C-alpha cells in the first residue's frame, strides 16, 4: 500500500491515527526543529505553524528546503491570520502555499486531497550521495566508490537511515523507530543482527567498517 507522510509542527501531529483512503495510507507525525526522525517512503506533506515553540516557522521552512530528505516536500505555512505580508514572506522562505489556522484533521486531509488531485501522483525519487557512498532510492541499490553493496531490504533501509543521520549516536530504539518497525514490536537485539549483516556487506564492497559501536548507547555511522 502506498504511504503518504503528513507532518505537522504542532501537537496535533502526535494525536492523529493513520487514515486509509483510495488504496493509500496517510500517516501523521509531529515534526521538530531537527526534521524527520524516521525514514520517508512516498510523498511528504508538511504543515508549519507560523509560530513554533522553539523556532520561527519561516526558519523551519528554510531548514526543510536545505535538507535533502525534505527538499521535495510540499510545505504549507499555517498562518495565524490572513496577512498579505506574512503570505509573501512564507512563499519567499520556500513554502508552496499557505492557509489560516487553527488546523484540524479534516482541514489537513482536505488540503492534501485537493492538492494531490491538482498536481497528479508524481513523486520525485531521490539519489543520496555522501563521500564514497551513494544510495539510489528508485533502484534500491547502494554503492561504495562505485562498488555495489549487496543488501537485504532491512539492511538497505538501515544504511539509508544511518546515511541520513551521520556521525550521530543512534540507539537500538532509535533505529527501530526510524525504520518504522514499531508494530509489531521487535526485540532490540534484532538490530544487532541487522548491524552485523550491514557491516559484512559494506566490508565486502570495500567500505571497511564505518559503523562504530558505542557501548551501552548504540551505533554511529562515521561518514566524513
N, C-alpha and C. Protein backbone atom coordinates (compact mmCIF):
# COMPACT_ATOMS: atom_id res chain seq x y z
N UNK A 1 0.84 -1.20 0.00
CA UNK A 1 0.00 0.00 0.00
C UNK A 1 0.87 1.25 0.00
N UNK A 2 0.57 2.21 -0.88
CA UNK A 2 1.33 3.45 -0.93
C UNK A 2 1.13 4.24 0.36
N UNK A 3 2.18 4.94 0.77
CA UNK A 3 2.15 5.72 2.01
C UNK A 3 2.32 7.20 1.68
N UNK A 4 1.50 8.02 2.29
CA UNK A 4 1.62 9.47 2.20
C UNK A 4 1.95 9.98 3.59
N UNK A 5 3.08 10.67 3.72
CA UNK A 5 3.56 11.15 5.02
C UNK A 5 3.09 12.58 5.26
N UNK A 6 2.36 12.78 6.35
CA UNK A 6 1.88 14.12 6.70
C UNK A 6 2.51 14.50 8.04
N UNK A 7 3.24 15.61 8.03
CA UNK A 7 3.89 16.10 9.24
C UNK A 7 3.32 17.45 9.63
N UNK A 8 3.14 17.64 10.93
CA UNK A 8 2.70 18.92 11.47
C UNK A 8 3.68 19.34 12.56
N UNK A 9 3.88 20.64 12.71
CA UNK A 9 4.81 21.11 13.72
C UNK A 9 4.15 21.32 15.07
N UNK A 10 2.83 21.13 15.17
CA UNK A 10 2.18 21.26 16.47
C UNK A 10 1.77 19.89 17.00
N UNK A 11 1.20 19.88 18.19
CA UNK A 11 0.92 18.62 18.88
C UNK A 11 -0.13 17.78 18.18
N UNK A 12 -0.89 18.38 17.27
CA UNK A 12 -1.90 17.63 16.55
C UNK A 12 -1.28 16.44 15.82
N UNK A 13 -0.04 16.59 15.37
CA UNK A 13 0.62 15.52 14.65
C UNK A 13 0.84 14.28 15.48
N UNK A 14 0.84 14.41 16.81
CA UNK A 14 1.06 13.27 17.69
C UNK A 14 -0.22 12.52 18.02
N UNK A 15 -1.37 13.11 17.73
CA UNK A 15 -2.63 12.55 18.20
C UNK A 15 -3.47 11.92 17.10
N UNK A 16 -3.10 12.10 15.84
CA UNK A 16 -3.93 11.61 14.73
C UNK A 16 -3.54 10.20 14.33
N UNK A 17 -4.53 9.34 14.14
CA UNK A 17 -4.30 7.97 13.69
C UNK A 17 -4.17 7.91 12.17
N UNK A 18 -3.53 6.86 11.69
CA UNK A 18 -3.41 6.65 10.25
C UNK A 18 -4.80 6.60 9.61
N UNK A 19 -4.83 6.98 8.34
CA UNK A 19 -6.10 7.03 7.61
C UNK A 19 -5.89 6.38 6.25
N UNK A 20 -6.73 5.41 5.91
CA UNK A 20 -6.61 4.71 4.63
C UNK A 20 -7.71 5.20 3.70
N UNK A 21 -7.29 5.60 2.50
CA UNK A 21 -8.25 6.14 1.52
C UNK A 21 -7.75 5.85 0.12
N UNK A 22 -8.62 5.24 -0.70
CA UNK A 22 -8.32 5.02 -2.12
C UNK A 22 -6.99 4.29 -2.32
N UNK A 23 -6.76 3.27 -1.49
CA UNK A 23 -5.56 2.46 -1.65
C UNK A 23 -4.29 3.08 -1.10
N UNK A 24 -4.39 4.15 -0.33
CA UNK A 24 -3.22 4.81 0.25
C UNK A 24 -3.38 4.92 1.76
N UNK A 25 -2.26 4.82 2.45
CA UNK A 25 -2.26 5.03 3.89
C UNK A 25 -1.65 6.39 4.19
N UNK A 26 -2.42 7.24 4.84
CA UNK A 26 -1.96 8.57 5.22
C UNK A 26 -1.51 8.51 6.68
N UNK A 27 -0.23 8.76 6.91
CA UNK A 27 0.31 8.71 8.26
C UNK A 27 0.60 10.11 8.77
N UNK A 28 0.42 10.30 10.07
CA UNK A 28 0.63 11.60 10.70
C UNK A 28 1.76 11.51 11.71
N UNK A 29 2.50 12.61 11.81
CA UNK A 29 3.58 12.65 12.80
C UNK A 29 3.88 14.11 13.10
N UNK A 30 4.52 14.32 14.23
CA UNK A 30 4.94 15.68 14.58
C UNK A 30 6.37 15.90 14.09
N UNK A 31 6.63 17.10 13.59
CA UNK A 31 7.94 17.45 13.06
C UNK A 31 8.58 18.50 13.94
N UNK A 32 9.79 18.18 14.44
CA UNK A 32 10.52 19.13 15.25
C UNK A 32 11.58 19.86 14.46
N UNK A 33 12.34 20.70 15.15
CA UNK A 33 13.34 21.54 14.51
C UNK A 33 14.44 20.73 13.82
N UNK A 34 14.66 19.47 14.26
CA UNK A 34 15.71 18.64 13.68
C UNK A 34 15.25 17.88 12.44
N UNK A 35 13.98 18.03 12.06
CA UNK A 35 13.49 17.34 10.88
C UNK A 35 12.97 15.95 11.22
N UNK A 36 12.67 15.14 10.20
CA UNK A 36 12.08 13.81 10.42
C UNK A 36 13.02 12.91 11.21
N UNK A 37 12.43 12.07 12.07
CA UNK A 37 13.20 11.12 12.85
C UNK A 37 12.96 9.69 12.37
N UNK A 38 12.44 9.54 11.17
CA UNK A 38 12.24 8.21 10.60
C UNK A 38 12.43 8.30 9.09
N UNK A 39 12.53 7.14 8.46
CA UNK A 39 12.65 7.10 7.01
C UNK A 39 11.35 7.52 6.35
N UNK A 40 11.48 8.11 5.18
CA UNK A 40 10.31 8.58 4.46
C UNK A 40 10.19 7.84 3.14
N UNK A 41 9.15 7.05 3.00
CA UNK A 41 8.84 6.37 1.75
C UNK A 41 7.55 6.96 1.22
N UNK A 42 7.61 7.57 0.06
CA UNK A 42 6.42 8.18 -0.52
C UNK A 42 6.39 9.68 -0.32
N UNK A 43 5.35 10.33 -0.84
CA UNK A 43 5.25 11.80 -0.78
C UNK A 43 5.22 12.32 0.66
N UNK A 44 5.68 13.54 0.82
CA UNK A 44 5.72 14.16 2.14
C UNK A 44 5.02 15.51 2.08
N UNK A 45 4.13 15.73 3.03
CA UNK A 45 3.40 16.99 3.15
C UNK A 45 3.67 17.55 4.55
N UNK A 46 4.03 18.81 4.62
CA UNK A 46 4.38 19.42 5.90
C UNK A 46 3.53 20.66 6.13
N UNK A 47 2.97 20.76 7.33
CA UNK A 47 2.20 21.93 7.74
C UNK A 47 2.97 22.62 8.87
N UNK A 48 3.50 23.79 8.59
CA UNK A 48 4.36 24.50 9.54
C UNK A 48 3.59 25.65 10.18
N UNK A 49 3.56 25.68 11.50
CA UNK A 49 2.94 26.79 12.20
C UNK A 49 3.79 28.05 12.06
N UNK A 50 3.14 29.17 11.84
CA UNK A 50 3.84 30.45 11.73
C UNK A 50 4.67 30.71 12.97
N UNK A 51 4.13 30.36 14.14
CA UNK A 51 4.85 30.50 15.41
C UNK A 51 4.99 29.11 16.02
N UNK A 52 6.25 28.67 16.22
CA UNK A 52 6.54 27.38 16.85
C UNK A 52 7.12 27.62 18.24
N UNK A 53 7.18 26.54 19.03
CA UNK A 53 7.68 26.67 20.40
C UNK A 53 9.15 27.06 20.44
N UNK A 54 9.97 26.45 19.57
CA UNK A 54 11.42 26.64 19.67
C UNK A 54 12.05 27.20 18.40
N UNK A 55 11.21 27.62 17.43
CA UNK A 55 11.77 28.06 16.16
C UNK A 55 10.70 28.84 15.41
N UNK A 56 11.12 29.84 14.66
CA UNK A 56 10.17 30.56 13.81
C UNK A 56 9.76 29.69 12.64
N UNK A 57 8.50 29.76 12.26
CA UNK A 57 8.02 28.96 11.14
C UNK A 57 8.79 29.21 9.86
N UNK A 58 9.18 30.46 9.62
CA UNK A 58 9.95 30.78 8.41
C UNK A 58 11.30 30.08 8.41
N UNK A 59 11.95 30.04 9.57
CA UNK A 59 13.26 29.37 9.66
C UNK A 59 13.09 27.86 9.47
N UNK A 60 11.99 27.31 10.01
CA UNK A 60 11.73 25.88 9.82
C UNK A 60 11.57 25.57 8.34
N UNK A 61 10.88 26.43 7.62
CA UNK A 61 10.69 26.24 6.19
C UNK A 61 12.03 26.26 5.46
N UNK A 62 12.88 27.19 5.80
CA UNK A 62 14.20 27.28 5.16
C UNK A 62 15.02 26.02 5.44
N UNK A 63 14.94 25.51 6.66
CA UNK A 63 15.69 24.29 7.01
C UNK A 63 15.22 23.10 6.19
N UNK A 64 13.92 22.97 6.01
CA UNK A 64 13.39 21.85 5.24
C UNK A 64 13.83 21.93 3.79
N UNK A 65 13.89 23.11 3.23
CA UNK A 65 14.32 23.26 1.85
C UNK A 65 15.82 23.02 1.68
N UNK A 66 16.57 23.14 2.77
CA UNK A 66 18.02 22.90 2.71
C UNK A 66 18.38 21.46 3.04
N UNK A 67 17.41 20.67 3.50
CA UNK A 67 17.64 19.29 3.90
C UNK A 67 17.29 18.36 2.74
N UNK A 68 18.23 17.55 2.24
CA UNK A 68 17.92 16.69 1.08
C UNK A 68 16.78 15.71 1.35
N UNK A 69 16.53 15.38 2.62
CA UNK A 69 15.44 14.45 2.92
C UNK A 69 14.07 15.08 2.66
N UNK A 70 13.99 16.40 2.80
CA UNK A 70 12.69 17.09 2.74
C UNK A 70 12.63 18.12 1.62
N UNK A 71 13.62 18.11 0.75
CA UNK A 71 13.70 19.09 -0.33
C UNK A 71 12.45 19.09 -1.20
N UNK A 72 11.90 17.89 -1.46
CA UNK A 72 10.77 17.77 -2.38
C UNK A 72 9.41 17.80 -1.66
N UNK A 73 9.41 18.02 -0.34
CA UNK A 73 8.15 18.03 0.40
C UNK A 73 7.26 19.19 -0.04
N UNK A 74 5.96 18.96 0.03
CA UNK A 74 5.02 20.07 -0.18
C UNK A 74 4.83 20.75 1.17
N UNK A 75 5.14 22.03 1.24
CA UNK A 75 5.10 22.76 2.51
C UNK A 75 3.96 23.78 2.50
N UNK A 76 3.12 23.68 3.51
CA UNK A 76 2.05 24.64 3.72
C UNK A 76 2.33 25.42 4.99
N UNK A 77 2.41 26.75 4.90
CA UNK A 77 2.59 27.57 6.09
C UNK A 77 1.21 27.85 6.70
N UNK A 78 1.08 27.59 7.99
CA UNK A 78 -0.19 27.79 8.69
C UNK A 78 -0.12 29.14 9.40
N UNK A 79 -0.81 30.12 8.85
CA UNK A 79 -0.76 31.49 9.37
C UNK A 79 -1.76 31.68 10.51
N UNK A 80 -1.46 32.64 11.37
CA UNK A 80 -2.39 32.96 12.45
C UNK A 80 -3.52 33.85 11.96
N UNK A 81 -3.25 34.62 10.91
CA UNK A 81 -4.28 35.45 10.28
C UNK A 81 -3.89 35.66 8.82
N UNK A 82 -4.85 36.05 8.01
CA UNK A 82 -4.61 36.19 6.57
C UNK A 82 -3.97 37.55 6.30
N UNK A 83 -2.66 37.61 6.55
CA UNK A 83 -1.91 38.86 6.39
C UNK A 83 -1.10 38.80 5.09
N UNK A 84 -1.26 39.76 4.18
CA UNK A 84 -0.55 39.71 2.89
C UNK A 84 0.97 39.65 3.04
N UNK A 85 1.51 40.36 4.01
CA UNK A 85 2.96 40.34 4.19
C UNK A 85 3.44 38.98 4.68
N UNK A 86 2.68 38.35 5.57
CA UNK A 86 3.03 37.00 6.04
C UNK A 86 2.96 35.99 4.91
N UNK A 87 1.97 36.14 4.05
CA UNK A 87 1.87 35.24 2.90
C UNK A 87 3.10 35.38 1.99
N UNK A 88 3.48 36.61 1.73
CA UNK A 88 4.63 36.85 0.86
C UNK A 88 5.90 36.29 1.47
N UNK A 89 6.11 36.50 2.75
CA UNK A 89 7.32 36.01 3.42
C UNK A 89 7.35 34.48 3.45
N UNK A 90 6.19 33.86 3.60
CA UNK A 90 6.12 32.39 3.61
C UNK A 90 6.58 31.81 2.27
N UNK A 91 6.06 32.35 1.19
CA UNK A 91 6.43 31.85 -0.13
C UNK A 91 7.90 32.12 -0.44
N UNK A 92 8.39 33.25 0.00
CA UNK A 92 9.80 33.59 -0.22
C UNK A 92 10.72 32.63 0.54
N UNK A 93 10.27 32.15 1.71
CA UNK A 93 11.08 31.23 2.52
C UNK A 93 11.06 29.81 1.97
N UNK A 94 10.18 29.54 1.00
CA UNK A 94 10.16 28.21 0.38
C UNK A 94 8.86 27.46 0.51
N UNK A 95 7.84 28.05 1.14
CA UNK A 95 6.55 27.37 1.25
C UNK A 95 5.88 27.29 -0.12
N UNK A 96 5.13 26.22 -0.34
CA UNK A 96 4.39 26.07 -1.59
C UNK A 96 3.05 26.80 -1.55
N UNK A 97 2.45 26.85 -0.37
CA UNK A 97 1.20 27.57 -0.22
C UNK A 97 1.00 27.91 1.25
N UNK A 98 -0.17 28.40 1.59
CA UNK A 98 -0.44 28.81 2.96
C UNK A 98 -1.93 28.63 3.23
N UNK A 99 -2.27 28.58 4.51
CA UNK A 99 -3.66 28.55 4.95
C UNK A 99 -3.73 29.16 6.34
N UNK A 100 -4.90 29.53 6.75
CA UNK A 100 -5.08 30.15 8.07
C UNK A 100 -5.53 29.09 9.06
N UNK A 101 -4.85 29.02 10.20
CA UNK A 101 -5.19 28.06 11.23
C UNK A 101 -6.33 28.55 12.10
N UNK A 102 -6.68 27.79 13.15
CA UNK A 102 -6.02 26.54 13.56
C UNK A 102 -6.41 25.36 12.69
N UNK A 103 -5.57 24.33 12.72
CA UNK A 103 -5.80 23.14 11.92
C UNK A 103 -6.60 22.10 12.70
N UNK A 104 -7.28 21.25 11.94
CA UNK A 104 -7.83 20.02 12.49
C UNK A 104 -7.64 18.93 11.44
N UNK A 105 -7.98 17.71 11.79
CA UNK A 105 -7.74 16.57 10.91
C UNK A 105 -8.42 16.76 9.55
N UNK A 106 -9.66 17.23 9.56
CA UNK A 106 -10.41 17.40 8.31
C UNK A 106 -9.75 18.44 7.41
N UNK A 107 -9.33 19.56 7.99
CA UNK A 107 -8.70 20.62 7.19
C UNK A 107 -7.41 20.14 6.56
N UNK A 108 -6.62 19.37 7.31
CA UNK A 108 -5.36 18.84 6.78
C UNK A 108 -5.61 17.89 5.62
N UNK A 109 -6.50 16.92 5.82
CA UNK A 109 -6.78 15.94 4.77
C UNK A 109 -7.41 16.58 3.55
N UNK A 110 -8.31 17.54 3.76
CA UNK A 110 -8.93 18.23 2.62
C UNK A 110 -7.88 18.93 1.78
N UNK A 111 -6.91 19.56 2.42
CA UNK A 111 -5.87 20.25 1.69
C UNK A 111 -4.99 19.27 0.92
N UNK A 112 -4.62 18.17 1.55
CA UNK A 112 -3.77 17.18 0.87
C UNK A 112 -4.52 16.57 -0.31
N UNK A 113 -5.78 16.19 -0.11
CA UNK A 113 -6.55 15.59 -1.21
C UNK A 113 -6.69 16.55 -2.39
N UNK A 114 -6.97 17.81 -2.09
CA UNK A 114 -7.17 18.79 -3.15
C UNK A 114 -5.89 19.01 -3.95
N UNK A 115 -4.77 19.10 -3.27
CA UNK A 115 -3.51 19.35 -3.96
C UNK A 115 -3.03 18.12 -4.71
N UNK A 116 -3.28 16.93 -4.16
CA UNK A 116 -2.91 15.71 -4.88
C UNK A 116 -3.67 15.62 -6.19
N UNK A 117 -4.95 15.95 -6.15
CA UNK A 117 -5.76 15.89 -7.36
C UNK A 117 -5.28 16.89 -8.39
N UNK A 118 -4.85 18.05 -7.93
CA UNK A 118 -4.41 19.11 -8.83
C UNK A 118 -3.04 18.82 -9.43
N UNK A 119 -2.16 18.25 -8.62
CA UNK A 119 -0.78 18.08 -9.04
C UNK A 119 -0.50 16.73 -9.66
N UNK A 120 -1.44 15.76 -9.52
CA UNK A 120 -1.16 14.43 -10.04
C UNK A 120 -0.44 13.60 -9.01
N UNK A 121 0.01 12.44 -9.42
CA UNK A 121 0.56 11.47 -8.48
C UNK A 121 2.06 11.35 -8.53
N UNK A 122 2.73 12.22 -9.26
CA UNK A 122 4.18 12.08 -9.40
C UNK A 122 4.88 12.41 -8.10
N UNK A 123 5.95 11.69 -7.84
CA UNK A 123 6.79 11.95 -6.68
C UNK A 123 8.23 11.69 -7.07
N UNK A 124 9.06 12.71 -6.92
CA UNK A 124 10.45 12.59 -7.36
C UNK A 124 11.21 11.60 -6.48
N UNK A 125 11.82 10.60 -7.12
CA UNK A 125 12.69 9.70 -6.38
C UNK A 125 14.01 10.39 -6.16
N UNK A 126 14.70 10.03 -5.10
CA UNK A 126 15.91 10.75 -4.74
C UNK A 126 17.13 9.85 -4.81
N UNK A 127 18.24 10.50 -5.04
CA UNK A 127 19.52 9.81 -5.01
C UNK A 127 20.36 10.50 -3.94
N UNK A 128 20.84 9.71 -2.99
CA UNK A 128 21.62 10.24 -1.87
C UNK A 128 23.09 9.96 -2.12
N UNK A 129 23.91 10.99 -1.98
CA UNK A 129 25.35 10.81 -2.16
C UNK A 129 26.09 11.56 -1.06
N UNK A 130 27.04 10.87 -0.45
CA UNK A 130 27.89 11.49 0.56
C UNK A 130 29.23 10.76 0.56
N UNK A 131 30.28 11.48 0.16
CA UNK A 131 31.59 10.85 0.08
C UNK A 131 31.58 9.71 -0.91
N UNK A 132 32.08 8.54 -0.50
CA UNK A 132 32.13 7.37 -1.38
C UNK A 132 30.81 6.62 -1.44
N UNK A 133 29.87 6.99 -0.58
CA UNK A 133 28.59 6.28 -0.52
C UNK A 133 27.55 6.93 -1.42
N UNK A 134 26.85 6.11 -2.20
CA UNK A 134 25.71 6.59 -2.98
C UNK A 134 24.56 5.61 -2.78
N UNK A 135 23.35 6.15 -2.65
CA UNK A 135 22.16 5.34 -2.45
C UNK A 135 21.11 5.78 -3.46
N UNK A 136 20.69 4.87 -4.30
CA UNK A 136 19.67 5.13 -5.31
C UNK A 136 18.36 4.57 -4.81
N UNK A 137 17.44 5.46 -4.38
CA UNK A 137 16.18 5.02 -3.79
C UNK A 137 15.27 4.34 -4.82
N UNK A 138 15.34 4.78 -6.08
CA UNK A 138 14.49 4.19 -7.11
C UNK A 138 14.92 2.75 -7.42
N UNK A 139 16.22 2.53 -7.50
CA UNK A 139 16.74 1.20 -7.83
C UNK A 139 16.96 0.32 -6.60
N UNK A 140 16.78 0.91 -5.40
CA UNK A 140 17.05 0.19 -4.15
C UNK A 140 18.46 -0.40 -4.18
N UNK A 141 19.42 0.43 -4.58
CA UNK A 141 20.80 -0.01 -4.72
C UNK A 141 21.74 0.98 -4.03
N UNK A 142 22.65 0.45 -3.22
CA UNK A 142 23.68 1.25 -2.59
C UNK A 142 25.04 0.86 -3.15
N UNK A 143 25.92 1.84 -3.28
CA UNK A 143 27.27 1.58 -3.79
C UNK A 143 28.30 2.31 -2.92
N UNK A 144 29.48 1.71 -2.85
CA UNK A 144 30.61 2.35 -2.16
C UNK A 144 31.73 2.50 -3.19
N UNK A 145 32.03 3.74 -3.52
CA UNK A 145 33.04 4.04 -4.54
C UNK A 145 32.74 3.28 -5.83
N UNK A 146 31.45 3.20 -6.18
CA UNK A 146 31.03 2.53 -7.40
C UNK A 146 30.78 1.05 -7.28
N UNK A 147 31.20 0.45 -6.17
CA UNK A 147 31.04 -1.00 -5.98
C UNK A 147 29.70 -1.28 -5.30
N UNK A 148 28.84 -2.15 -5.88
CA UNK A 148 27.54 -2.45 -5.27
C UNK A 148 27.68 -3.04 -3.86
N UNK A 149 26.82 -2.60 -2.95
CA UNK A 149 26.74 -3.17 -1.61
C UNK A 149 25.51 -4.07 -1.61
N UNK A 150 25.72 -5.38 -1.49
CA UNK A 150 24.63 -6.33 -1.57
C UNK A 150 23.88 -6.37 -0.24
N UNK A 151 22.65 -5.89 -0.25
CA UNK A 151 21.89 -5.74 0.98
C UNK A 151 20.48 -6.31 0.86
N UNK A 152 19.99 -6.87 1.97
CA UNK A 152 18.58 -7.24 2.07
C UNK A 152 17.78 -5.96 2.32
N UNK A 153 16.44 -6.02 2.16
CA UNK A 153 15.63 -4.81 2.34
C UNK A 153 15.83 -4.10 3.68
N UNK A 154 15.84 -4.86 4.79
CA UNK A 154 16.01 -4.22 6.09
C UNK A 154 17.36 -3.52 6.21
N UNK A 155 18.42 -4.18 5.71
CA UNK A 155 19.75 -3.59 5.81
C UNK A 155 19.89 -2.37 4.88
N UNK A 156 19.20 -2.42 3.72
CA UNK A 156 19.21 -1.26 2.83
C UNK A 156 18.58 -0.06 3.52
N UNK A 157 17.44 -0.26 4.16
CA UNK A 157 16.78 0.85 4.87
C UNK A 157 17.62 1.31 6.06
N UNK A 158 18.28 0.36 6.72
CA UNK A 158 19.14 0.72 7.84
C UNK A 158 20.30 1.60 7.38
N UNK A 159 20.93 1.23 6.27
CA UNK A 159 22.03 2.04 5.73
C UNK A 159 21.54 3.42 5.35
N UNK A 160 20.38 3.47 4.73
CA UNK A 160 19.82 4.77 4.34
C UNK A 160 19.57 5.65 5.56
N UNK A 161 19.04 5.06 6.64
CA UNK A 161 18.77 5.84 7.85
C UNK A 161 20.07 6.33 8.49
N UNK A 162 21.08 5.46 8.53
CA UNK A 162 22.38 5.88 9.04
C UNK A 162 22.94 7.02 8.19
N UNK A 163 22.84 6.89 6.87
CA UNK A 163 23.41 7.91 5.97
C UNK A 163 22.71 9.25 6.13
N UNK A 164 21.41 9.22 6.49
CA UNK A 164 20.68 10.46 6.69
C UNK A 164 20.93 11.05 8.08
N UNK A 165 21.60 10.27 8.94
CA UNK A 165 21.91 10.74 10.31
C UNK A 165 23.36 10.40 10.63
N UNK A 166 24.33 10.89 9.84
CA UNK A 166 25.73 10.51 10.04
C UNK A 166 26.32 11.13 11.30
N UNK A 167 27.36 10.46 11.84
CA UNK A 167 28.14 10.99 12.95
C UNK A 167 27.28 11.30 14.17
N UNK A 168 26.26 10.50 14.37
CA UNK A 168 25.33 10.71 15.48
C UNK A 168 25.02 9.37 16.13
N UNK A 169 25.07 9.30 17.45
CA UNK A 169 24.80 8.06 18.16
C UNK A 169 23.30 7.76 18.07
N UNK A 170 22.99 6.57 17.55
CA UNK A 170 21.60 6.13 17.43
C UNK A 170 21.42 4.86 18.26
N UNK A 171 20.47 4.90 19.16
CA UNK A 171 20.20 3.73 19.99
C UNK A 171 19.44 2.68 19.18
N UNK A 172 19.33 1.48 19.73
CA UNK A 172 18.54 0.45 19.06
C UNK A 172 17.10 0.90 18.88
N UNK A 173 16.55 1.56 19.90
CA UNK A 173 15.18 2.06 19.81
C UNK A 173 15.06 3.11 18.71
N UNK A 174 16.07 3.99 18.59
CA UNK A 174 16.07 4.99 17.52
C UNK A 174 16.00 4.31 16.15
N UNK A 175 16.78 3.25 15.99
CA UNK A 175 16.84 2.56 14.70
C UNK A 175 15.53 1.85 14.39
N UNK A 176 14.93 1.22 15.39
CA UNK A 176 13.65 0.54 15.18
C UNK A 176 12.57 1.56 14.79
N UNK A 177 12.52 2.68 15.51
CA UNK A 177 11.53 3.71 15.20
C UNK A 177 11.82 4.35 13.85
N UNK A 178 13.10 4.57 13.57
CA UNK A 178 13.48 5.21 12.32
C UNK A 178 13.11 4.39 11.11
N UNK A 179 13.15 3.06 11.25
CA UNK A 179 12.81 2.18 10.13
C UNK A 179 11.32 1.86 10.08
N UNK A 180 10.55 2.47 11.01
CA UNK A 180 9.11 2.23 11.03
C UNK A 180 8.74 0.84 11.45
N UNK A 181 9.51 0.27 12.39
CA UNK A 181 9.31 -1.12 12.80
C UNK A 181 8.65 -1.22 14.18
N UNK A 182 7.84 -0.24 14.53
CA UNK A 182 7.25 -0.23 15.86
C UNK A 182 6.13 -1.26 16.04
N UNK A 183 5.44 -1.58 14.96
CA UNK A 183 4.33 -2.55 15.02
C UNK A 183 4.53 -3.62 13.96
N UNK A 184 4.52 -4.92 14.34
CA UNK A 184 4.50 -5.42 15.72
C UNK A 184 5.85 -5.17 16.39
N UNK A 185 5.89 -5.21 17.74
CA UNK A 185 7.13 -4.92 18.45
C UNK A 185 8.28 -5.83 18.02
N UNK A 186 9.47 -5.27 17.98
CA UNK A 186 10.67 -6.02 17.58
C UNK A 186 11.65 -6.01 18.75
N UNK A 187 12.25 -7.17 19.00
CA UNK A 187 13.29 -7.27 20.03
C UNK A 187 14.46 -6.38 19.62
N UNK A 188 14.94 -5.56 20.55
CA UNK A 188 16.04 -4.65 20.23
C UNK A 188 17.28 -5.40 19.76
N UNK A 189 17.47 -6.65 20.18
CA UNK A 189 18.65 -7.40 19.78
C UNK A 189 18.60 -7.75 18.29
N UNK A 190 17.41 -7.66 17.69
CA UNK A 190 17.31 -7.88 16.25
C UNK A 190 18.15 -6.84 15.51
N UNK A 191 18.25 -5.65 16.09
CA UNK A 191 19.06 -4.59 15.47
C UNK A 191 20.51 -5.05 15.33
N UNK A 192 21.01 -5.79 16.33
CA UNK A 192 22.39 -6.26 16.26
C UNK A 192 22.60 -7.20 15.07
N UNK A 193 21.57 -7.98 14.75
CA UNK A 193 21.65 -8.87 13.59
C UNK A 193 21.73 -8.04 12.31
N UNK A 194 20.87 -7.01 12.21
CA UNK A 194 20.91 -6.12 11.04
C UNK A 194 22.27 -5.46 10.90
N UNK A 195 22.80 -5.00 12.05
CA UNK A 195 24.09 -4.31 12.03
C UNK A 195 25.18 -5.25 11.53
N UNK A 196 25.17 -6.50 12.02
CA UNK A 196 26.17 -7.46 11.59
C UNK A 196 26.13 -7.71 10.10
N UNK A 197 24.93 -7.86 9.56
CA UNK A 197 24.80 -8.08 8.11
C UNK A 197 25.26 -6.85 7.33
N UNK A 198 24.90 -5.68 7.82
CA UNK A 198 25.29 -4.46 7.12
C UNK A 198 26.80 -4.28 7.13
N UNK A 199 27.41 -4.57 8.26
CA UNK A 199 28.87 -4.46 8.34
C UNK A 199 29.56 -5.40 7.36
N UNK A 200 29.09 -6.63 7.30
CA UNK A 200 29.71 -7.61 6.40
C UNK A 200 29.54 -7.20 4.94
N UNK A 201 28.35 -6.68 4.60
CA UNK A 201 28.11 -6.27 3.22
C UNK A 201 28.97 -5.07 2.84
N UNK A 202 29.14 -4.13 3.76
CA UNK A 202 29.95 -2.96 3.45
C UNK A 202 31.43 -3.33 3.34
N UNK A 203 31.87 -4.20 4.21
CA UNK A 203 33.26 -4.65 4.14
C UNK A 203 33.53 -5.36 2.82
N UNK A 204 32.58 -6.18 2.37
CA UNK A 204 32.74 -6.90 1.10
C UNK A 204 32.81 -5.96 -0.08
N UNK A 205 32.18 -4.77 0.05
CA UNK A 205 32.19 -3.79 -1.03
C UNK A 205 33.40 -2.86 -0.95
N UNK A 206 34.27 -3.08 0.05
CA UNK A 206 35.47 -2.26 0.18
C UNK A 206 35.31 -1.03 1.03
N UNK A 207 34.22 -0.96 1.82
CA UNK A 207 33.96 0.23 2.63
C UNK A 207 34.63 0.19 3.99
N UNK A 208 35.24 -0.94 4.35
CA UNK A 208 35.80 -1.05 5.69
C UNK A 208 34.68 -1.20 6.70
N UNK A 209 34.80 -0.52 7.84
CA UNK A 209 33.77 -0.62 8.87
C UNK A 209 33.46 0.77 9.43
N UNK A 210 32.63 1.55 8.71
CA UNK A 210 32.28 2.88 9.20
C UNK A 210 31.26 2.86 10.34
N UNK A 211 30.71 1.67 10.67
CA UNK A 211 29.75 1.57 11.76
C UNK A 211 30.49 1.32 13.08
N UNK A 212 30.38 2.26 13.99
CA UNK A 212 31.10 2.18 15.26
C UNK A 212 30.12 1.91 16.40
N UNK A 213 30.44 0.95 17.25
CA UNK A 213 29.62 0.65 18.42
C UNK A 213 30.01 1.55 19.58
N UNK A 214 29.00 2.18 20.18
CA UNK A 214 29.21 2.99 21.38
C UNK A 214 28.59 2.23 22.54
N UNK A 215 29.43 1.70 23.41
CA UNK A 215 28.98 0.81 24.48
C UNK A 215 27.83 1.43 25.28
N UNK A 216 26.78 0.64 25.48
CA UNK A 216 25.61 0.99 26.29
C UNK A 216 24.76 2.12 25.67
N UNK A 217 25.13 2.58 24.48
CA UNK A 217 24.39 3.68 23.87
C UNK A 217 23.82 3.32 22.49
N UNK A 218 24.63 2.71 21.63
CA UNK A 218 24.11 2.39 20.29
C UNK A 218 25.20 2.36 19.27
N UNK A 219 24.93 2.93 18.11
CA UNK A 219 25.86 2.87 16.98
C UNK A 219 25.99 4.25 16.33
N UNK A 220 27.16 4.46 15.71
CA UNK A 220 27.43 5.68 14.98
C UNK A 220 27.93 5.31 13.59
N UNK A 221 27.40 6.01 12.60
CA UNK A 221 27.89 5.84 11.23
C UNK A 221 28.89 6.96 10.96
N UNK A 222 30.18 6.62 11.02
CA UNK A 222 31.22 7.63 10.82
C UNK A 222 31.40 7.89 9.33
N UNK A 223 30.89 9.01 8.90
CA UNK A 223 30.94 9.35 7.47
C UNK A 223 31.43 10.78 7.33
N UNK A 224 32.61 10.93 6.74
CA UNK A 224 33.17 12.27 6.61
C UNK A 224 32.54 13.07 5.51
